PDB file of N, CA and C in Angstrom:
ATOM      1  N   MET A   1       0.836  -1.186   0.011  1.00  0.00           N
ATOM      2  CA  MET A   1      -0.007  -0.015  -0.012  1.00  0.00           C
ATOM      3  C   MET A   1       0.880   1.244   0.021  1.00  0.00           C
ATOM      4  N   ILE A   2       0.368   2.332  -0.539  1.00  0.00           N
ATOM      5  CA  ILE A   2       1.077   3.585  -0.626  1.00  0.00           C
ATOM      6  C   ILE A   2       0.630   4.468   0.556  1.00  0.00           C
ATOM      7  N   ASP A   3       1.610   5.079   1.214  1.00  0.00           N
ATOM      8  CA  ASP A   3       1.333   6.014   2.273  1.00  0.00           C
ATOM      9  C   ASP A   3       0.714   7.255   1.653  1.00  0.00           C
ATOM     10  N   PRO A   4      -0.517   7.637   2.060  1.00  0.00           N
ATOM     11  CA  PRO A   4      -1.170   8.824   1.464  1.00  0.00           C
ATOM     12  C   PRO A   4      -0.366  10.124   1.608  1.00  0.00           C
ATOM     13  N   LEU A   5       0.535  10.189   2.587  1.00  0.00           N
ATOM     14  CA  LEU A   5       1.354  11.370   2.766  1.00  0.00           C
ATOM     15  C   LEU A   5       2.251  11.601   1.526  1.00  0.00           C
ATOM     16  N   LEU A   6       2.612  10.549   0.864  1.00  0.00           N
ATOM     17  CA  LEU A   6       3.454  10.661  -0.341  1.00  0.00           C
ATOM     18  C   LEU A   6       2.724  11.335  -1.480  1.00  0.00           C
ATOM     19  N   LEU A   7       1.399  11.361  -1.427  1.00  0.00           N
ATOM     20  CA  LEU A   7       0.600  11.896  -2.515  1.00  0.00           C
ATOM     21  C   LEU A   7       0.264  13.394  -2.324  1.00  0.00           C
ATOM     22  N   VAL A   8       0.646  13.961  -1.196  1.00  0.00           N
ATOM     23  CA  VAL A   8       0.337  15.368  -0.936  1.00  0.00           C
ATOM     24  C   VAL A   8       1.245  16.209  -1.817  1.00  0.00           C
ATOM     25  N   PRO A   9       0.685  17.122  -2.607  1.00  0.00           N
ATOM     26  CA  PRO A   9       1.501  17.919  -3.527  1.00  0.00           C
ATOM     27  C   PRO A   9       2.330  18.976  -2.789  1.00  0.00           C
ATOM     28  N   ASP A  10       3.397  19.425  -3.512  1.00  0.00           N
ATOM     29  CA  ASP A  10       4.219  20.515  -2.969  1.00  0.00           C
ATOM     30  C   ASP A  10       3.320  21.781  -2.883  1.00  0.00           C
ATOM     31  N   VAL A  11       3.797  22.737  -2.032  1.00  0.00           N
ATOM     32  CA  VAL A  11       3.055  23.984  -1.889  1.00  0.00           C
ATOM     33  C   VAL A  11       3.893  25.115  -2.486  1.00  0.00           C
ATOM     34  N   ASN A  12       3.212  25.906  -3.303  1.00  0.00           N
ATOM     35  CA  ASN A  12       3.883  27.103  -3.888  1.00  0.00           C
ATOM     36  C   ASN A  12       3.465  28.319  -3.076  1.00  0.00           C
ATOM     37  N   VAL A  13       4.454  29.093  -2.658  1.00  0.00           N
ATOM     38  CA  VAL A  13       4.213  30.301  -1.879  1.00  0.00           C
ATOM     39  C   VAL A  13       4.770  31.481  -2.672  1.00  0.00           C
ATOM     40  N   GLN A  14       3.906  32.470  -2.877  1.00  0.00           N
ATOM     41  CA  GLN A  14       4.319  33.667  -3.645  1.00  0.00           C
ATOM     42  C   GLN A  14       4.416  34.882  -2.752  1.00  0.00           C
ATOM     43  N   ASN A  15       5.499  35.577  -2.880  1.00  0.00           N
ATOM     44  CA  ASN A  15       5.694  36.870  -2.230  1.00  0.00           C
ATOM     45  C   ASN A  15       4.950  37.870  -3.098  1.00  0.00           C
ATOM     46  N   VAL A  16       3.850  38.431  -2.576  1.00  0.00           N
ATOM     47  CA  VAL A  16       2.995  39.331  -3.408  1.00  0.00           C
ATOM     48  C   VAL A  16       3.724  40.672  -3.674  1.00  0.00           C
ATOM     49  N   ASN A  17       4.695  41.011  -2.894  1.00  0.00           N
ATOM     50  CA  ASN A  17       5.426  42.265  -3.153  1.00  0.00           C
ATOM     51  C   ASN A  17       6.427  42.128  -4.303  1.00  0.00           C
ATOM     52  N   THR A  18       7.089  40.949  -4.372  1.00  0.00           N
ATOM     53  CA  THR A  18       8.124  40.782  -5.379  1.00  0.00           C
ATOM     54  C   THR A  18       7.709  39.874  -6.528  1.00  0.00           C
ATOM     55  N   GLY A  19       6.663  39.094  -6.316  1.00  0.00           N
ATOM     56  CA  GLY A  19       6.243  38.111  -7.332  1.00  0.00           C
ATOM     57  C   GLY A  19       7.029  36.805  -7.255  1.00  0.00           C
ATOM     58  N   GLU A  20       8.047  36.766  -6.379  1.00  0.00           N
ATOM     59  CA  GLU A  20       8.887  35.566  -6.235  1.00  0.00           C
ATOM     60  C   GLU A  20       8.040  34.397  -5.750  1.00  0.00           C
ATOM     61  N   VAL A  21       8.218  33.219  -6.362  1.00  0.00           N
ATOM     62  CA  VAL A  21       7.493  32.010  -5.950  1.00  0.00           C
ATOM     63  C   VAL A  21       8.521  30.999  -5.434  1.00  0.00           C
ATOM     64  N   LYS A  22       8.268  30.426  -4.279  1.00  0.00           N
ATOM     65  CA  LYS A  22       9.074  29.345  -3.749  1.00  0.00           C
ATOM     66  C   LYS A  22       8.203  28.114  -3.567  1.00  0.00           C
ATOM     67  N   THR A  23       8.806  26.983  -3.731  1.00  0.00           N
ATOM     68  CA  THR A  23       8.091  25.715  -3.595  1.00  0.00           C
ATOM     69  C   THR A  23       8.619  24.979  -2.347  1.00  0.00           C
ATOM     70  N   PHE A  24       7.731  24.459  -1.544  1.00  0.00           N
ATOM     71  CA  PHE A  24       8.057  23.735  -0.348  1.00  0.00           C
ATOM     72  C   PHE A  24       7.365  22.405  -0.312  1.00  0.00           C
ATOM     73  N   LYS A  25       8.015  21.416   0.283  1.00  0.00           N
ATOM     74  CA  LYS A  25       7.368  20.166   0.590  1.00  0.00           C
ATOM     75  C   LYS A  25       6.364  20.433   1.708  1.00  0.00           C
ATOM     76  N   TYR A  26       5.166  19.884   1.601  1.00  0.00           N
ATOM     77  CA  TYR A  26       4.109  20.136   2.591  1.00  0.00           C
ATOM     78  C   TYR A  26       4.590  19.823   3.999  1.00  0.00           C
ATOM     79  N   ARG A  27       5.262  18.719   4.165  1.00  0.00           N
ATOM     80  CA  ARG A  27       5.694  18.279   5.507  1.00  0.00           C
ATOM     81  C   ARG A  27       6.789  19.138   6.092  1.00  0.00           C
ATOM     82  N   ASP A  28       7.403  20.030   5.277  1.00  0.00           N
ATOM     83  CA  ASP A  28       8.488  20.868   5.764  1.00  0.00           C
ATOM     84  C   ASP A  28       8.024  22.260   6.168  1.00  0.00           C
ATOM     85  N   LEU A  29       6.762  22.571   5.974  1.00  0.00           N
ATOM     86  CA  LEU A  29       6.249  23.900   6.329  1.00  0.00           C
ATOM     87  C   LEU A  29       6.063  24.071   7.795  1.00  0.00           C
ATOM     88  N   ALA A  30       6.517  25.173   8.326  1.00  0.00           N
ATOM     89  CA  ALA A  30       6.270  25.479   9.747  1.00  0.00           C
ATOM     90  C   ALA A  30       4.784  25.747   9.933  1.00  0.00           C
ATOM     91  N   LEU A  31       4.232  25.378  11.072  1.00  0.00           N
ATOM     92  CA  LEU A  31       2.824  25.424  11.293  1.00  0.00           C
ATOM     93  C   LEU A  31       2.376  26.507  12.249  1.00  0.00           C
ATOM     94  N   GLY A  32       3.095  27.545  12.419  1.00  0.00           N
ATOM     95  CA  GLY A  32       2.733  28.598  13.303  1.00  0.00           C
ATOM     96  C   GLY A  32       3.906  29.505  13.564  1.00  0.00           C
ATOM     97  N   ILE A  33       3.674  30.427  14.423  1.00  0.00           N
ATOM     98  CA  ILE A  33       4.727  31.354  14.823  1.00  0.00           C
ATOM     99  C   ILE A  33       5.279  30.940  16.148  1.00  0.00           C
ATOM    100  N   ASP A  34       6.553  30.660  16.191  1.00  0.00           N
ATOM    101  CA  ASP A  34       7.217  30.286  17.448  1.00  0.00           C
ATOM    102  C   ASP A  34       6.669  29.036  18.131  1.00  0.00           C
ATOM    103  N   ASN A  35       6.090  28.103  17.372  1.00  0.00           N
ATOM    104  CA  ASN A  35       5.643  26.843  17.971  1.00  0.00           C
ATOM    105  C   ASN A  35       6.870  26.125  18.536  1.00  0.00           C
ATOM    106  N   SER A  36       6.775  25.606  19.757  1.00  0.00           N
ATOM    107  CA  SER A  36       7.866  24.837  20.317  1.00  0.00           C
ATOM    108  C   SER A  36       7.293  23.837  21.306  1.00  0.00           C
ATOM    109  N   PHE A  37       8.069  22.832  21.612  1.00  0.00           N
ATOM    110  CA  PHE A  37       7.636  21.786  22.550  1.00  0.00           C
ATOM    111  C   PHE A  37       7.738  22.297  23.996  1.00  0.00           C
ATOM    112  N   HIS A  38       6.694  21.946  24.781  1.00  0.00           N
ATOM    113  CA  HIS A  38       6.732  22.248  26.210  1.00  0.00           C
ATOM    114  C   HIS A  38       6.322  20.972  26.972  1.00  0.00           C
ATOM    115  N   PRO A  39       7.129  20.578  27.960  1.00  0.00           N
ATOM    116  CA  PRO A  39       6.792  19.352  28.695  1.00  0.00           C
ATOM    117  C   PRO A  39       5.389  19.446  29.331  1.00  0.00           C
ATOM    118  N   GLY A  40       4.706  18.275  29.246  1.00  0.00           N
ATOM    119  CA  GLY A  40       3.367  18.188  29.840  1.00  0.00           C
ATOM    120  C   GLY A  40       2.265  18.558  28.895  1.00  0.00           C
ATOM    121  N   LYS A  41       2.578  18.845  27.619  1.00  0.00           N
ATOM    122  CA  LYS A  41       1.584  19.251  26.634  1.00  0.00           C
ATOM    123  C   LYS A  41       1.459  18.227  25.521  1.00  0.00           C
ATOM    124  N   PHE A  42       0.278  18.167  24.936  1.00  0.00           N
ATOM    125  CA  PHE A  42      -0.001  17.319  23.806  1.00  0.00           C
ATOM    126  C   PHE A  42       0.154  18.081  22.502  1.00  0.00           C
ATOM    127  N   TYR A  43       0.632  17.375  21.444  1.00  0.00           N
ATOM    128  CA  TYR A  43       0.860  17.997  20.162  1.00  0.00           C
ATOM    129  C   TYR A  43       0.366  17.084  19.040  1.00  0.00           C
ATOM    130  N   GLU A  44       0.061  17.720  17.937  1.00  0.00           N
ATOM    131  CA  GLU A  44      -0.377  16.978  16.741  1.00  0.00           C
ATOM    132  C   GLU A  44       0.569  17.295  15.571  1.00  0.00           C
ATOM    133  N   ALA A  45       0.857  16.259  14.813  1.00  0.00           N
ATOM    134  CA  ALA A  45       1.568  16.425  13.541  1.00  0.00           C
ATOM    135  C   ALA A  45       0.469  16.324  12.492  1.00  0.00           C
ATOM    136  N   PRO A  46      -0.103  17.441  12.056  1.00  0.00           N
ATOM    137  CA  PRO A  46      -1.282  17.423  11.198  1.00  0.00           C
ATOM    138  C   PRO A  46      -1.093  16.683   9.887  1.00  0.00           C
ATOM    139  N   ALA A  47       0.104  16.774   9.310  1.00  0.00           N
ATOM    140  CA  ALA A  47       0.334  16.116   8.028  1.00  0.00           C
ATOM    141  C   ALA A  47       0.239  14.590   8.173  1.00  0.00           C
ATOM    142  N   LEU A  48       0.481  14.084   9.402  1.00  0.00           N
ATOM    143  CA  LEU A  48       0.438  12.632   9.652  1.00  0.00           C
ATOM    144  C   LEU A  48      -0.805  12.218  10.363  1.00  0.00           C
ATOM    145  N   GLY A  49      -1.413  13.124  11.148  1.00  0.00           N
ATOM    146  CA  GLY A  49      -2.555  12.771  11.986  1.00  0.00           C
ATOM    147  C   GLY A  49      -2.120  12.033  13.229  1.00  0.00           C
ATOM    148  N   TYR A  50      -0.852  12.208  13.669  1.00  0.00           N
ATOM    149  CA  TYR A  50      -0.373  11.532  14.875  1.00  0.00           C
ATOM    150  C   TYR A  50      -0.411  12.519  16.044  1.00  0.00           C
ATOM    151  N   LEU A  51      -0.648  12.010  17.227  1.00  0.00           N
ATOM    152  CA  LEU A  51      -0.742  12.809  18.418  1.00  0.00           C
ATOM    153  C   LEU A  51       0.293  12.386  19.451  1.00  0.00           C
ATOM    154  N   TYR A  52       0.964  13.389  20.037  1.00  0.00           N
ATOM    155  CA  TYR A  52       2.119  13.162  20.889  1.00  0.00           C
ATOM    156  C   TYR A  52       1.943  13.840  22.238  1.00  0.00           C
ATOM    157  N   PHE A  53       2.732  13.371  23.213  1.00  0.00           N
ATOM    158  CA  PHE A  53       2.843  14.012  24.507  1.00  0.00           C
ATOM    159  C   PHE A  53       4.324  14.361  24.697  1.00  0.00           C
ATOM    160  N   CYS A  54       4.613  15.589  25.046  1.00  0.00           N
ATOM    161  CA  CYS A  54       5.989  15.990  25.303  1.00  0.00           C
ATOM    162  C   CYS A  54       6.337  15.677  26.756  1.00  0.00           C
ATOM    163  N   GLU A  55       7.286  14.768  26.924  1.00  0.00           N
ATOM    164  CA  GLU A  55       7.719  14.384  28.254  1.00  0.00           C
ATOM    165  C   GLU A  55       8.694  15.395  28.829  1.00  0.00           C
ATOM    166  N   ARG A  56       9.712  15.811  28.005  1.00  0.00           N
ATOM    167  CA  ARG A  56      10.711  16.746  28.487  1.00  0.00           C
ATOM    168  C   ARG A  56      11.455  17.319  27.301  1.00  0.00           C
ATOM    169  N   VAL A  57      12.124  18.439  27.559  1.00  0.00           N
ATOM    170  CA  VAL A  57      13.009  19.073  26.603  1.00  0.00           C
ATOM    171  C   VAL A  57      14.291  19.411  27.354  1.00  0.00           C
ATOM    172  N   LYS A  58      15.402  18.913  26.888  1.00  0.00           N
ATOM    173  CA  LYS A  58      16.681  19.150  27.565  1.00  0.00           C
ATOM    174  C   LYS A  58      17.790  19.157  26.531  1.00  0.00           C
ATOM    175  N   ASP A  59      18.620  20.150  26.643  1.00  0.00           N
ATOM    176  CA  ASP A  59      19.806  20.299  25.754  1.00  0.00           C
ATOM    177  C   ASP A  59      19.416  20.217  24.269  1.00  0.00           C
ATOM    178  N   GLY A  60      18.304  20.843  23.921  1.00  0.00           N
ATOM    179  CA  GLY A  60      17.896  20.897  22.528  1.00  0.00           C
ATOM    180  C   GLY A  60      17.240  19.637  21.993  1.00  0.00           C
ATOM    181  N   ILE A  61      16.982  18.678  22.864  1.00  0.00           N
ATOM    182  CA  ILE A  61      16.349  17.431  22.494  1.00  0.00           C
ATOM    183  C   ILE A  61      14.977  17.313  23.173  1.00  0.00           C
ATOM    184  N   ALA A  62      13.981  17.025  22.357  1.00  0.00           N
ATOM    185  CA  ALA A  62      12.618  16.827  22.902  1.00  0.00           C
ATOM    186  C   ALA A  62      12.374  15.311  22.978  1.00  0.00           C
ATOM    187  N   GLU A  63      11.836  14.866  24.124  1.00  0.00           N
ATOM    188  CA  GLU A  63      11.460  13.482  24.283  1.00  0.00           C
ATOM    189  C   GLU A  63       9.919  13.416  24.243  1.00  0.00           C
ATOM    190  N   LEU A  64       9.437  12.670  23.258  1.00  0.00           N
ATOM    191  CA  LEU A  64       7.997  12.618  23.014  1.00  0.00           C
ATOM    192  C   LEU A  64       7.494  11.189  23.129  1.00  0.00           C
ATOM    193  N   CYS A  65       6.225  11.094  23.416  1.00  0.00           N
ATOM    194  CA  CYS A  65       5.527   9.816  23.388  1.00  0.00           C
ATOM    195  C   CYS A  65       4.447   9.943  22.334  1.00  0.00           C
ATOM    196  N   MET A  66       4.485   9.090  21.296  1.00  0.00           N
ATOM    197  CA  MET A  66       3.411   9.084  20.306  1.00  0.00           C
ATOM    198  C   MET A  66       2.234   8.331  20.973  1.00  0.00           C
ATOM    199  N   VAL A  67       1.249   9.059  21.360  1.00  0.00           N
ATOM    200  CA  VAL A  67       0.138   8.510  22.126  1.00  0.00           C
ATOM    201  C   VAL A  67      -0.932   7.887  21.232  1.00  0.00           C
ATOM    202  N   GLU A  68      -1.095   8.473  20.071  1.00  0.00           N
ATOM    203  CA  GLU A  68      -2.187   7.980  19.198  1.00  0.00           C
ATOM    204  C   GLU A  68      -1.819   8.104  17.733  1.00  0.00           C
ATOM    205  N   SER A  69      -1.690   6.966  17.118  1.00  0.00           N
ATOM    206  CA  SER A  69      -1.426   6.853  15.695  1.00  0.00           C
ATOM    207  C   SER A  69      -2.041   5.551  15.197  1.00  0.00           C
ATOM    208  N   PHE A  70      -2.752   5.621  14.123  1.00  0.00           N
ATOM    209  CA  PHE A  70      -3.373   4.395  13.614  1.00  0.00           C
ATOM    210  C   PHE A  70      -2.746   4.005  12.277  1.00  0.00           C
ATOM    211  N   GLN A  71      -2.269   2.777  12.194  1.00  0.00           N
ATOM    212  CA  GLN A  71      -1.665   2.251  11.011  1.00  0.00           C
ATOM    213  C   GLN A  71      -2.479   1.016  10.601  1.00  0.00           C
ATOM    214  N   HIS A  72      -3.126   1.069   9.450  1.00  0.00           N
ATOM    215  CA  HIS A  72      -3.995  -0.029   8.984  1.00  0.00           C
ATOM    216  C   HIS A  72      -5.012  -0.434  10.045  1.00  0.00           C
ATOM    217  N   GLY A  73      -5.533   0.575  10.745  1.00  0.00           N
ATOM    218  CA  GLY A  73      -6.584   0.336  11.738  1.00  0.00           C
ATOM    219  C   GLY A  73      -6.084  -0.105  13.088  1.00  0.00           C
ATOM    220  N   GLN A  74      -4.779  -0.188  13.280  1.00  0.00           N
ATOM    221  CA  GLN A  74      -4.204  -0.627  14.522  1.00  0.00           C
ATOM    222  C   GLN A  74      -3.543   0.571  15.242  1.00  0.00           C
ATOM    223  N   LEU A  75      -3.788   0.679  16.586  1.00  0.00           N
ATOM    224  CA  LEU A  75      -3.178   1.715  17.366  1.00  0.00           C
ATOM    225  C   LEU A  75      -1.681   1.427  17.476  1.00  0.00           C
ATOM    226  N   VAL A  76      -0.853   2.412  17.170  1.00  0.00           N
ATOM    227  CA  VAL A  76       0.582   2.310  17.298  1.00  0.00           C
ATOM    228  C   VAL A  76       1.039   3.421  18.230  1.00  0.00           C
ATOM    229  N   GLN A  77       1.851   3.034  19.219  1.00  0.00           N
ATOM    230  CA  GLN A  77       2.395   3.993  20.198  1.00  0.00           C
ATOM    231  C   GLN A  77       3.888   3.805  20.251  1.00  0.00           C
ATOM    232  N   ALA A  78       4.616   4.870  20.531  1.00  0.00           N
ATOM    233  CA  ALA A  78       6.062   4.775  20.574  1.00  0.00           C
ATOM    234  C   ALA A  78       6.644   5.941  21.384  1.00  0.00           C
ATOM    235  N   ARG A  79       7.911   5.807  21.756  1.00  0.00           N
ATOM    236  CA  ARG A  79       8.667   6.866  22.349  1.00  0.00           C
ATOM    237  C   ARG A  79       9.696   7.284  21.372  1.00  0.00           C
ATOM    238  N   LEU A  80       9.991   8.601  21.316  1.00  0.00           N
ATOM    239  CA  LEU A  80      10.971   9.040  20.379  1.00  0.00           C
ATOM    240  C   LEU A  80      11.666  10.303  20.893  1.00  0.00           C
ATOM    241  N   ARG A  81      12.826  10.556  20.334  1.00  0.00           N
ATOM    242  CA  ARG A  81      13.602  11.788  20.651  1.00  0.00           C
ATOM    243  C   ARG A  81      13.891  12.466  19.345  1.00  0.00           C
ATOM    244  N   MET A  82      13.819  13.789  19.401  1.00  0.00           N
ATOM    245  CA  MET A  82      14.151  14.576  18.201  1.00  0.00           C
ATOM    246  C   MET A  82      14.685  15.921  18.609  1.00  0.00           C
ATOM    247  N   LYS A  83      15.304  16.603  17.702  1.00  0.00           N
ATOM    248  CA  LYS A  83      15.742  17.967  17.954  1.00  0.00           C
ATOM    249  C   LYS A  83      14.538  18.837  18.253  1.00  0.00           C
ATOM    250  N   ALA A  84      14.630  19.579  19.314  1.00  0.00           N
ATOM    251  CA  ALA A  84      13.495  20.420  19.751  1.00  0.00           C
ATOM    252  C   ALA A  84      13.130  21.453  18.694  1.00  0.00           C
ATOM    253  N   LYS A  85      14.047  21.824  17.821  1.00  0.00           N
ATOM    254  CA  LYS A  85      13.746  22.818  16.803  1.00  0.00           C
ATOM    255  C   LYS A  85      12.639  22.396  15.876  1.00  0.00           C
ATOM    256  N   TYR A  86      12.363  21.085  15.821  1.00  0.00           N
ATOM    257  CA  TYR A  86      11.300  20.607  14.929  1.00  0.00           C
ATOM    258  C   TYR A  86       9.904  20.797  15.531  1.00  0.00           C
ATOM    259  N   GLY A  87       9.847  21.396  16.740  1.00  0.00           N
ATOM    260  CA  GLY A  87       8.565  21.737  17.329  1.00  0.00           C
ATOM    261  C   GLY A  87       7.724  22.657  16.437  1.00  0.00           C
ATOM    262  N   LYS A  88       8.386  23.379  15.532  1.00  0.00           N
ATOM    263  CA  LYS A  88       7.662  24.265  14.633  1.00  0.00           C
ATOM    264  C   LYS A  88       6.780  23.491  13.637  1.00  0.00           C
ATOM    265  N   LEU A  89       6.991  22.185  13.539  1.00  0.00           N
ATOM    266  CA  LEU A  89       6.190  21.361  12.617  1.00  0.00           C
ATOM    267  C   LEU A  89       4.987  20.740  13.318  1.00  0.00           C
ATOM    268  N   TYR A  90       4.803  21.003  14.589  1.00  0.00           N
ATOM    269  CA  TYR A  90       3.720  20.417  15.390  1.00  0.00           C
ATOM    270  C   TYR A  90       2.856  21.536  15.950  1.00  0.00           C
ATOM    271  N   ILE A  91       1.584  21.224  16.151  1.00  0.00           N
ATOM    272  CA  ILE A  91       0.708  22.233  16.776  1.00  0.00           C
ATOM    273  C   ILE A  91       0.218  21.714  18.104  1.00  0.00           C
ATOM    274  N   PRO A  92       0.102  22.604  19.086  1.00  0.00           N
ATOM    275  CA  PRO A  92      -0.423  22.203  20.388  1.00  0.00           C
ATOM    276  C   PRO A  92      -1.893  21.770  20.272  1.00  0.00           C
ATOM    277  N   VAL A  93      -2.246  20.755  21.010  1.00  0.00           N
ATOM    278  CA  VAL A  93      -3.642  20.320  21.065  1.00  0.00           C
ATOM    279  C   VAL A  93      -4.308  21.194  22.095  1.00  0.00           C
ATOM    280  N   THR A  94      -5.421  21.839  21.732  1.00  0.00           N
ATOM    281  CA  THR A  94      -6.126  22.714  22.633  1.00  0.00           C
ATOM    282  C   THR A  94      -7.548  22.245  22.943  1.00  0.00           C
ATOM    283  N   ASP A  95      -8.083  21.356  22.141  1.00  0.00           N
ATOM    284  CA  ASP A  95      -9.437  20.891  22.360  1.00  0.00           C
ATOM    285  C   ASP A  95      -9.507  20.053  23.620  1.00  0.00           C
ATOM    286  N   LYS A  96     -10.370  20.450  24.562  1.00  0.00           N
ATOM    287  CA  LYS A  96     -10.464  19.784  25.868  1.00  0.00           C
ATOM    288  C   LYS A  96     -10.821  18.307  25.737  1.00  0.00           C
ATOM    289  N   GLY A  97     -11.788  17.983  24.876  1.00  0.00           N
ATOM    290  CA  GLY A  97     -12.159  16.599  24.707  1.00  0.00           C
ATOM    291  C   GLY A  97     -11.039  15.733  24.161  1.00  0.00           C
ATOM    292  N   THR A  98     -10.284  16.280  23.228  1.00  0.00           N
ATOM    293  CA  THR A  98      -9.147  15.559  22.658  1.00  0.00           C
ATOM    294  C   THR A  98      -8.063  15.357  23.720  1.00  0.00           C
ATOM    295  N   ILE A  99      -7.801  16.395  24.510  1.00  0.00           N
ATOM    296  CA  ILE A  99      -6.799  16.280  25.563  1.00  0.00           C
ATOM    297  C   ILE A  99      -7.235  15.202  26.587  1.00  0.00           C
ATOM    298  N   GLU A 100      -8.484  15.161  26.946  1.00  0.00           N
ATOM    299  CA  GLU A 100      -8.960  14.170  27.891  1.00  0.00           C
ATOM    300  C   GLU A 100      -8.791  12.737  27.320  1.00  0.00           C
ATOM    301  N   ARG A 101      -9.129  12.546  26.042  1.00  0.00           N
ATOM    302  CA  ARG A 101      -8.967  11.246  25.413  1.00  0.00           C
ATOM    303  C   ARG A 101      -7.500  10.836  25.373  1.00  0.00           C
ATOM    304  N   LEU A 102      -6.628  11.769  25.012  1.00  0.00           N
ATOM    305  CA  LEU A 102      -5.186  11.476  24.967  1.00  0.00           C
ATOM    306  C   LEU A 102      -4.630  11.211  26.328  1.00  0.00           C
ATOM    307  N   GLN A 103      -5.100  11.936  27.339  1.00  0.00           N
ATOM    308  CA  GLN A 103      -4.621  11.709  28.700  1.00  0.00           C
ATOM    309  C   GLN A 103      -5.013  10.304  29.183  1.00  0.00           C
ATOM    310  N   ARG A 104      -6.202   9.821  28.829  1.00  0.00           N
ATOM    311  CA  ARG A 104      -6.602   8.446  29.198  1.00  0.00           C
ATOM    312  C   ARG A 104      -5.674   7.436  28.506  1.00  0.00           C
ATOM    313  N   ARG A 105      -5.383   7.673  27.217  1.00  0.00           N
ATOM    314  CA  ARG A 105      -4.479   6.745  26.519  1.00  0.00           C
ATOM    315  C   ARG A 105      -3.063   6.780  27.141  1.00  0.00           C
ATOM    316  N   LEU A 106      -2.612   7.977  27.482  1.00  0.00           N
ATOM    317  CA  LEU A 106      -1.280   8.108  28.113  1.00  0.00           C
ATOM    318  C   LEU A 106      -1.263   7.427  29.472  1.00  0.00           C
ATOM    319  N   ASP A 107      -2.322   7.598  30.255  1.00  0.00           N
ATOM    320  CA  ASP A 107      -2.393   6.929  31.551  1.00  0.00           C
ATOM    321  C   ASP A 107      -2.343   5.418  31.416  1.00  0.00           C
ATOM    322  N   ARG A 108      -3.056   4.873  30.410  1.00  0.00           N
ATOM    323  CA  ARG A 108      -3.019   3.399  30.172  1.00  0.00           C
ATOM    324  C   ARG A 108      -1.637   2.968  29.752  1.00  0.00           C
ATOM    325  N   LEU A 109      -1.002   3.771  28.946  1.00  0.00           N
ATOM    326  CA  LEU A 109       0.328   3.435  28.460  1.00  0.00           C
ATOM    327  C   LEU A 109       1.324   3.430  29.624  1.00  0.00           C
ATOM    328  N   LYS A 110       1.223   4.387  30.517  1.00  0.00           N
ATOM    329  CA  LYS A 110       2.070   4.416  31.701  1.00  0.00           C
ATOM    330  C   LYS A 110       1.794   3.242  32.629  1.00  0.00           C
ATOM    331  N   ALA A 111       0.508   2.883  32.790  1.00  0.00           N
ATOM    332  CA  ALA A 111       0.106   1.801  33.681  1.00  0.00           C
ATOM    333  C   ALA A 111       0.608   0.443  33.169  1.00  0.00           C
ATOM    334  N   ASN A 112       0.803   0.352  31.853  1.00  0.00           N
ATOM    335  CA  ASN A 112       1.247  -0.926  31.242  1.00  0.00           C
ATOM    336  C   ASN A 112       2.770  -1.056  31.282  1.00  0.00           C
ATOM    337  N   GLY A 113       3.428  -0.123  32.010  1.00  0.00           N
ATOM    338  CA  GLY A 113       4.879  -0.231  32.171  1.00  0.00           C
ATOM    339  C   GLY A 113       5.690   0.109  30.951  1.00  0.00           C
ATOM    340  N   SER A 114       5.197   1.057  30.150  1.00  0.00           N
ATOM    341  CA  SER A 114       5.899   1.421  28.897  1.00  0.00           C
ATOM    342  C   SER A 114       7.176   2.201  29.154  1.00  0.00           C
ATOM    343  N   GLY A 115       7.391   2.629  30.391  1.00  0.00           N
ATOM    344  CA  GLY A 115       8.546   3.454  30.668  1.00  0.00           C
ATOM    345  C   GLY A 115       8.297   4.928  30.429  1.00  0.00           C
ATOM    346  N   VAL A 116       7.053   5.284  30.082  1.00  0.00           N
ATOM    347  CA  VAL A 116       6.743   6.709  29.867  1.00  0.00           C
ATOM    348  C   VAL A 116       6.800   7.378  31.221  1.00  0.00           C
ATOM    349  N   GLN A 117       7.527   8.481  31.270  1.00  0.00           N
ATOM    350  CA  GLN A 117       7.652   9.241  32.504  1.00  0.00           C
ATOM    351  C   GLN A 117       7.009  10.610  32.313  1.00  0.00           C
ATOM    352  N   VAL A 118       6.319  11.086  33.330  1.00  0.00           N
ATOM    353  CA  VAL A 118       5.690  12.381  33.261  1.00  0.00           C
ATOM    354  C   VAL A 118       6.157  13.234  34.391  1.00  0.00           C
TER     355      VAL A 118
END
């Protein structure tokens, strides 16, 4: 099967003052102004539809827990580390219902001994 993310077209951005056009890969576009990871907060990678919990940020490295991701209908969860500068590609989750759902998943993950620390 083909990952649908591979089918997302590039994005053309035009500077209306100069007429200059630049092309960007969709997944490389920053998603806000000064977005960054903060421990104890949930984040979404909209291009992927994955939801994460930021455990900590130290020395420029963010430690995240992928709390909710579905692959072929199966829930996939993981822990990962990445450079904190990539926080610009994620958006904070602000919907109360979504945060409550993710918190329940995170609590179950911690209870199952996944090593997730909060």
